[in-house]
């Protein structure tokens, strides 16, 4: 799943994933795995269940569907919620779940944590 189509979203995904591999002593770094009714982009699962878990979603702005990069951020958040990406973590007792969305339009990048 990580090396499929050559798209901007896959590039950003792979770039961030490469940086996160260095956290392997403290986190399980998972990519494109099923959770809920979809596949999240990246999940950091702490080896200590009391630590923070992170769900990351990357979205490239679709000019035909979205008018602003902020709308892309909102669509990424909606995707996380509608597809239940945190379900797997909750079922296994993780409570501190941080969701991060990244939106890209050319060289412009916006990120939001919620």
Protein backbone atom coordinates (compact mmCIF):
# COMPACT_ATOMS: atom_id res chain seq x y z
CA UNK A 1 0.00 0.00 0.00
CA UNK A 2 2.86 2.43 0.76
CA UNK A 3 4.54 2.22 -2.63
CA UNK A 4 1.55 2.08 -4.97
CA UNK A 5 0.65 4.94 -7.25
CA UNK A 6 3.13 7.76 -7.66
CA UNK A 7 1.09 10.55 -6.09
CA UNK A 8 1.97 13.58 -3.99
CA UNK A 9 0.11 12.07 -1.03
CA UNK A 10 2.23 8.91 -1.21
CA UNK A 11 5.39 11.01 -1.35
CA UNK A 12 4.51 12.93 1.83
CA UNK A 13 3.37 9.74 3.53
CA UNK A 14 6.65 7.95 2.76
CA UNK A 15 8.74 10.97 3.74
CA UNK A 16 7.11 11.28 7.18
CA UNK A 17 7.10 7.51 7.69
CA UNK A 18 10.85 7.43 7.05
CA UNK A 19 11.43 10.03 9.74
CA UNK A 20 9.24 8.21 12.26
CA UNK A 21 11.09 4.90 12.00
CA UNK A 22 13.63 6.37 14.41
CA UNK A 23 10.99 6.16 17.16
CA UNK A 24 10.96 2.34 17.06
CA UNK A 25 12.32 2.03 20.62
CA UNK A 26 9.26 3.78 22.07
CA UNK A 27 6.57 3.20 19.43
CA UNK A 28 5.27 0.63 17.01
CA UNK A 29 5.17 2.52 13.73
CA UNK A 30 2.31 1.23 11.55
CA UNK A 31 1.36 2.29 8.07
CA UNK A 32 -1.76 1.71 5.96
CA UNK A 33 -3.27 -0.88 8.25
CA UNK A 34 -6.97 -1.50 8.66
CA UNK A 35 -8.77 0.02 11.61
CA UNK A 36 -12.48 0.67 11.85
CA UNK A 37 -13.82 0.60 8.29
CA UNK A 38 -10.77 1.98 6.52
CA UNK A 39 -7.01 2.28 6.42
CA UNK A 40 -5.22 5.03 8.30
CA UNK A 41 -2.08 6.53 6.82
CA UNK A 42 0.23 6.27 9.84
CA UNK A 43 -0.31 5.22 13.44
CA UNK A 44 2.18 5.47 16.27
CA UNK A 45 1.29 3.03 19.01
CA UNK A 46 3.26 3.52 22.24
CA UNK A 47 4.95 0.51 23.73
CA UNK A 48 3.82 1.92 27.09
CA UNK A 49 -0.01 1.81 27.11
CA UNK A 50 -0.07 5.02 29.17
CA UNK A 51 1.76 6.95 26.46
CA UNK A 52 0.25 9.00 23.65
CA UNK A 53 -0.94 7.26 20.50
CA UNK A 54 -0.94 9.18 17.22
CA UNK A 55 -3.09 8.78 14.13
CA UNK A 56 -1.89 10.68 11.06
CA UNK A 57 -3.83 11.37 7.88
CA UNK A 58 -2.37 13.03 4.78
CA UNK A 59 -4.49 14.76 2.15
CA UNK A 60 -3.54 16.57 -1.02
CA UNK A 61 -6.03 19.29 -1.92
CA UNK A 62 -8.32 18.24 -4.75
CA UNK A 63 -8.98 21.37 -6.84
CA UNK A 64 -12.22 19.94 -8.21
CA UNK A 65 -13.62 19.05 -4.77
CA UNK A 66 -12.13 21.52 -2.29
CA UNK A 67 -11.84 25.30 -2.51
CA UNK A 68 -9.30 25.87 0.29
CA UNK A 69 -6.60 23.97 2.12
CA UNK A 70 -8.66 24.43 5.30
CA UNK A 71 -11.46 22.49 3.63
CA UNK A 72 -8.93 19.73 2.91
CA UNK A 73 -8.04 19.68 6.63
CA UNK A 74 -11.72 19.32 7.54
CA UNK A 75 -12.16 16.47 5.03
CA UNK A 76 -9.16 14.64 6.52
CA UNK A 77 -10.64 14.99 10.03
CA UNK A 78 -14.00 13.79 8.76
CA UNK A 79 -12.34 10.74 7.19
CA UNK A 80 -10.64 9.79 10.47
CA UNK A 81 -13.93 10.03 12.35
CA UNK A 82 -16.23 8.41 9.78
CA UNK A 83 -13.90 5.48 9.21
CA UNK A 84 -13.20 4.96 12.92
CA UNK A 85 -9.41 4.87 12.70
CA UNK A 86 -9.06 5.02 16.49
CA UNK A 87 -11.29 1.96 17.04
CA UNK A 88 -8.41 -0.53 17.12
CA UNK A 89 -6.51 1.50 19.72
CA UNK A 90 -9.58 1.96 21.94
CA UNK A 91 -10.41 -1.74 21.81
CA UNK A 92 -6.93 -2.50 23.14
CA UNK A 93 -7.16 -0.02 26.02
CA UNK A 94 -5.30 3.01 24.69
CA UNK A 95 -6.82 6.24 26.02
CA UNK A 96 -4.48 9.07 24.99
CA UNK A 97 -5.14 9.26 21.25
CA UNK A 98 -3.93 12.30 19.32
CA UNK A 99 -5.11 12.80 15.76
CA UNK A 100 -3.02 14.75 13.29
CA UNK A 101 -4.08 15.82 9.82
CA UNK A 102 -1.82 17.24 7.12
CA UNK A 103 -3.10 19.00 4.03
CA UNK A 104 -0.94 19.82 1.01
CA UNK A 105 -1.40 22.09 -1.98
CA UNK A 106 1.78 22.34 -4.02
CA UNK A 107 4.37 23.71 -1.59
CA UNK A 108 1.76 24.88 0.90
CA UNK A 109 1.28 22.65 3.93
CA UNK A 110 -1.15 22.94 6.83
CA UNK A 111 -1.35 20.68 9.83
CA UNK A 112 -3.88 20.40 12.64
CA UNK A 113 -3.86 18.38 15.83
CA UNK A 114 -7.08 17.46 17.59
